[in-house]
Amino acid sequence: MTPPSARTALEVADWRRRVFALYARVREARSPEAAHDLWRAGRDDLMGRHPATPLLAQDRAGFRGLAVAPYDPQWRFETPILPAEPGGFEFATGTDGIVPFERIGRVDLPEVGSLDVWRLASYGGGIFIPVRDALAGRPGGTYGGGRYLIDTIKGADLGLDAEAGTIVIDFNFAYNPSCAYDPAWACPLAQPGNVLTTPVPVGELYLGG
């Protein structure tokens, strides 16, 4: 019999494998709208059926899909990563110890604002862009702690051009971290440079308490 700890590790590994595969299909889709449909269906399937879902047991029985706004193309950007002041922060997790993040640049998004771009400065690397917008914490708005746009080490990658130094930022694909659904998770959230005064009414919304 597989030990419980090994089974849990396998389930999490399978979840991540499926997320990587989902975003690969998203990047290959014929249009951003078609990509969004794929992403939404894939997220619903994982959240509702996968054993590693962050949904609590009492929330799974009545699950009918995540609250995701319709696709709006004005929230999609392909933008260069610009220089930013060096900086960093450390995040204490329950399982991985202290995880350091390094600011590697910023993106300026017309009529939206600026967001810091972070690199996970430990094993595995990875680009991380969280966001907290003006709807955070409001009824029917977005999660109070903020959402994730890009987290490449977990597979959330909408596209980039390493030679040109550009990255795809699409707020329609903003998603809630696992801690929005299960308080047992510890999630790095939006830093001051990732807080917008602009409301962002697209992506995954938050209807929880």
Protein backbone atom coordinates (compact mmCIF):
# COMPACT_ATOMS: atom_id res chain seq x y z
CA MET A 1 0.00 0.00 0.00
CA THR A 2 1.30 3.46 -0.90
CA PRO A 3 2.12 5.50 2.25
CA PRO A 4 -0.22 8.51 2.74
CA SER A 5 2.64 11.02 2.47
CA ALA A 6 3.80 9.46 -0.81
CA ARG A 7 0.26 9.45 -2.17
CA THR A 8 -0.13 13.15 -1.33
CA ALA A 9 3.19 13.94 -3.02
CA LEU A 10 2.14 12.03 -6.13
CA GLU A 11 -1.20 13.83 -6.25
CA VAL A 12 0.48 17.25 -6.02
CA ALA A 13 3.00 16.25 -8.70
CA ASP A 14 0.16 15.13 -10.96
CA TRP A 15 -1.69 18.41 -10.34
CA ARG A 16 1.36 20.39 -11.41
CA ARG A 17 1.92 18.20 -14.46
CA ARG A 18 -1.66 18.85 -15.52
CA VAL A 19 -1.30 22.60 -14.97
CA PHE A 20 1.81 22.69 -17.16
CA ALA A 21 -0.05 20.75 -19.86
CA LEU A 22 -3.06 23.07 -19.61
CA TYR A 23 -0.97 26.21 -20.11
CA ALA A 24 0.85 24.57 -23.04
CA ARG A 25 -2.54 24.15 -24.74
CA VAL A 26 -3.45 27.72 -23.81
CA ARG A 27 -0.33 29.09 -25.53
CA GLU A 28 -1.05 27.04 -28.66
CA ALA A 29 -4.73 28.01 -28.97
CA ARG A 30 -5.94 29.71 -32.14
CA SER A 31 -7.01 32.88 -30.33
CA PRO A 32 -6.89 34.39 -26.83
CA GLU A 33 -10.64 33.81 -26.53
CA ALA A 34 -10.27 30.12 -27.38
CA ALA A 35 -7.32 29.92 -24.98
CA HIS A 36 -9.47 31.40 -22.22
CA ASP A 37 -12.21 28.81 -22.83
CA LEU A 38 -9.62 26.03 -22.56
CA TRP A 39 -8.16 27.51 -19.41
CA ARG A 40 -11.50 27.98 -17.73
CA ALA A 41 -12.65 24.43 -18.49
CA GLY A 42 -9.30 23.01 -17.39
CA ARG A 43 -9.30 24.94 -14.12
CA ASP A 44 -12.86 23.84 -13.36
CA ASP A 45 -11.96 20.21 -14.00
CA LEU A 46 -8.90 20.35 -11.75
CA MET A 47 -10.63 22.23 -8.96
CA GLY A 48 -13.72 20.06 -9.02
CA ARG A 49 -12.26 16.59 -9.58
CA HIS A 50 -8.55 16.38 -8.83
CA PRO A 51 -7.54 14.92 -5.43
CA ALA A 52 -5.04 17.76 -4.89
CA THR A 53 -7.69 20.49 -5.27
CA PRO A 54 -7.48 23.27 -2.68
CA LEU A 55 -11.27 23.24 -2.37
CA LEU A 56 -12.36 22.15 1.08
CA ALA A 57 -14.40 18.96 1.29
CA GLN A 58 -17.59 20.85 2.14
CA ASP A 59 -17.18 23.03 -0.96
CA ARG A 60 -16.67 20.20 -3.45
CA ALA A 61 -20.15 18.65 -3.43
CA GLY A 62 -21.85 21.78 -4.73
CA PHE A 63 -19.03 22.92 -7.00
CA ARG A 64 -20.29 23.98 -10.42
CA GLY A 65 -17.30 25.94 -11.66
CA LEU A 66 -15.21 28.94 -10.70
CA ALA A 67 -16.51 32.48 -11.00
CA VAL A 68 -14.63 33.72 -14.06
CA ALA A 69 -15.57 36.86 -15.99
CA PRO A 70 -16.09 36.73 -19.79
CA TYR A 71 -13.01 37.35 -21.90
CA ASP A 72 -12.23 41.01 -22.62
CA PRO A 73 -9.35 41.59 -25.08
CA GLN A 74 -8.52 45.05 -23.74
CA TRP A 75 -6.88 43.40 -20.72
CA ARG A 76 -4.24 41.54 -22.75
CA PHE A 77 -0.72 42.98 -23.15
CA GLU A 78 2.56 41.83 -24.69
CA THR A 79 5.04 44.08 -22.99
CA PRO A 80 8.76 44.46 -22.31
CA ILE A 81 10.20 43.92 -18.86
CA LEU A 82 11.66 47.28 -17.87
CA PRO A 83 14.40 48.06 -15.34
CA ALA A 84 13.36 48.51 -11.72
CA GLU A 85 15.08 49.27 -8.44
CA PRO A 86 16.70 46.16 -6.95
CA GLY A 87 14.73 44.67 -4.14
CA GLY A 88 13.38 41.51 -2.66
CA PHE A 89 11.29 39.91 0.00
CA GLU A 90 11.25 36.65 1.91
CA PHE A 91 8.17 34.53 2.40
CA ALA A 92 7.83 32.00 5.18
CA THR A 93 5.99 28.84 4.14
CA GLY A 94 4.82 25.98 6.28
CA THR A 95 6.65 23.32 4.28
CA ASP A 96 9.44 24.93 2.24
CA GLY A 97 10.98 27.21 4.86
CA ILE A 98 11.90 30.77 3.88
CA VAL A 99 11.45 31.39 0.14
CA PRO A 100 13.30 34.46 -1.22
CA PHE A 101 12.05 36.58 -4.12
CA GLU A 102 14.14 39.04 -6.14
CA ARG A 103 12.69 41.96 -8.12
CA ILE A 104 14.04 41.69 -11.67
CA GLY A 105 12.03 44.43 -13.38
CA ARG A 106 8.59 45.86 -13.94
CA VAL A 107 5.93 46.00 -16.61
CA ASP A 108 4.06 49.22 -17.45
CA LEU A 109 0.54 48.56 -18.70
CA PRO A 110 -1.30 51.44 -20.42
CA GLU A 111 -4.32 52.74 -18.47
CA VAL A 112 -3.77 50.02 -15.86
CA GLY A 113 -0.55 50.72 -14.00
CA SER A 114 2.83 49.20 -13.22
CA LEU A 115 3.57 45.78 -11.75
CA ASP A 116 6.81 44.47 -10.31
CA VAL A 117 8.24 41.29 -11.83
CA TRP A 118 9.78 38.85 -9.37
CA ARG A 119 12.13 35.89 -9.65
CA LEU A 120 12.06 33.03 -7.22
CA ALA A 121 15.63 33.27 -5.94
CA SER A 122 16.04 29.66 -4.88
CA TYR A 123 16.06 26.20 -6.42
CA GLY A 124 14.07 26.11 -9.66
CA GLY A 125 13.95 29.84 -10.31
CA GLY A 126 10.79 31.06 -11.99
CA ILE A 127 9.02 34.34 -12.80
CA PHE A 128 6.24 35.47 -10.48
CA ILE A 129 3.76 38.33 -11.04
CA PRO A 130 0.95 38.69 -8.52
CA VAL A 131 -1.62 41.50 -8.59
CA ARG A 132 -4.03 43.09 -6.15
CA ASP A 133 -6.52 45.44 -7.80
CA ALA A 134 -9.10 47.96 -6.57
CA LEU A 135 -11.83 45.28 -6.39
CA ALA A 136 -9.89 43.18 -3.88
CA GLY A 137 -11.93 42.30 -0.83
CA ARG A 138 -15.15 43.83 -2.16
CA PRO A 139 -18.36 41.76 -2.43
CA GLY A 140 -18.41 40.07 -5.83
CA GLY A 141 -14.93 41.41 -6.51
CA THR A 142 -11.53 39.78 -6.36
CA TYR A 143 -9.70 37.92 -3.61
CA GLY A 144 -8.54 40.27 -0.87
CA GLY A 145 -4.98 38.98 -0.86
CA GLY A 146 -4.61 39.35 -4.61
CA ARG A 147 -4.39 37.00 -7.56
CA TYR A 148 -1.62 35.47 -9.67
CA LEU A 149 -0.98 36.41 -13.29
CA ILE A 150 2.29 34.55 -13.89
CA ASP A 151 3.96 31.83 -11.83
CA THR A 152 6.18 29.93 -14.23
CA ILE A 153 7.57 27.50 -11.66
CA LYS A 154 4.00 26.24 -11.18
CA GLY A 155 3.26 26.24 -14.93
CA ALA A 156 1.27 29.49 -15.17
CA ASP A 157 2.99 30.91 -18.26
CA LEU A 158 1.04 32.74 -20.97
CA GLY A 159 4.03 33.27 -23.25
CA LEU A 160 7.32 35.14 -23.39
CA ASP A 161 10.07 36.08 -25.81
CA ALA A 162 13.43 35.74 -24.07
CA GLU A 163 15.34 37.36 -26.96
CA ALA A 164 13.05 40.42 -27.11
CA GLY A 165 12.62 40.54 -23.34
CA THR A 166 8.82 40.64 -23.57
CA ILE A 167 6.14 38.77 -21.66
CA VAL A 168 2.39 38.23 -22.15
CA ILE A 169 0.27 39.70 -19.37
CA ASP A 170 -3.42 38.87 -19.67
CA PHE A 171 -5.63 39.75 -16.72
CA ASN A 172 -8.35 37.47 -18.08
CA PHE A 173 -6.18 34.59 -16.80
CA ALA A 174 -5.68 36.03 -13.29
CA TYR A 175 -6.42 33.27 -10.80
CA ASN A 176 -6.83 32.93 -7.06
CA PRO A 177 -4.04 31.33 -5.03
CA SER A 178 -4.81 28.12 -3.17
CA CYS A 179 -5.05 29.98 0.15
CA ALA A 180 -8.21 31.68 -1.13
CA TYR A 181 -9.94 28.30 -0.80
CA ASP A 182 -8.02 26.50 1.95
CA PRO A 183 -6.42 28.48 4.80
CA ALA A 184 -3.97 25.62 5.36
CA TRP A 185 -2.05 26.86 2.30
CA ALA A 186 0.56 29.61 2.69
CA CYS A 187 0.70 31.78 -0.43
CA PRO A 188 3.01 34.71 -1.27
CA LEU A 189 0.70 37.62 -2.04
CA ALA A 190 0.95 40.97 -3.81
CA GLN A 191 3.73 43.26 -2.61
CA PRO A 192 3.28 47.08 -2.68
CA GLY A 193 4.64 47.25 -6.24
CA ASN A 194 1.95 44.81 -7.36
CA VAL A 195 -1.04 46.74 -6.02
CA LEU A 196 -3.16 48.61 -8.57
CA THR A 197 -5.57 51.46 -7.91
CA THR A 198 -7.42 50.34 -11.05
CA PRO A 199 -10.33 47.88 -10.76
CA VAL A 200 -9.69 44.73 -12.81
CA PRO A 201 -13.08 43.08 -13.40
CA VAL A 202 -11.77 40.13 -15.46
CA GLY A 203 -10.21 36.80 -14.58
CA GLU A 204 -11.18 34.63 -11.65
CA LEU A 205 -13.39 36.47 -9.16
CA TYR A 206 -13.99 35.64 -5.52
CA LEU A 207 -17.36 34.80 -4.01
CA GLY A 208 -16.05 33.30 -0.77
CA GLY A 209 -16.21 34.66 2.74
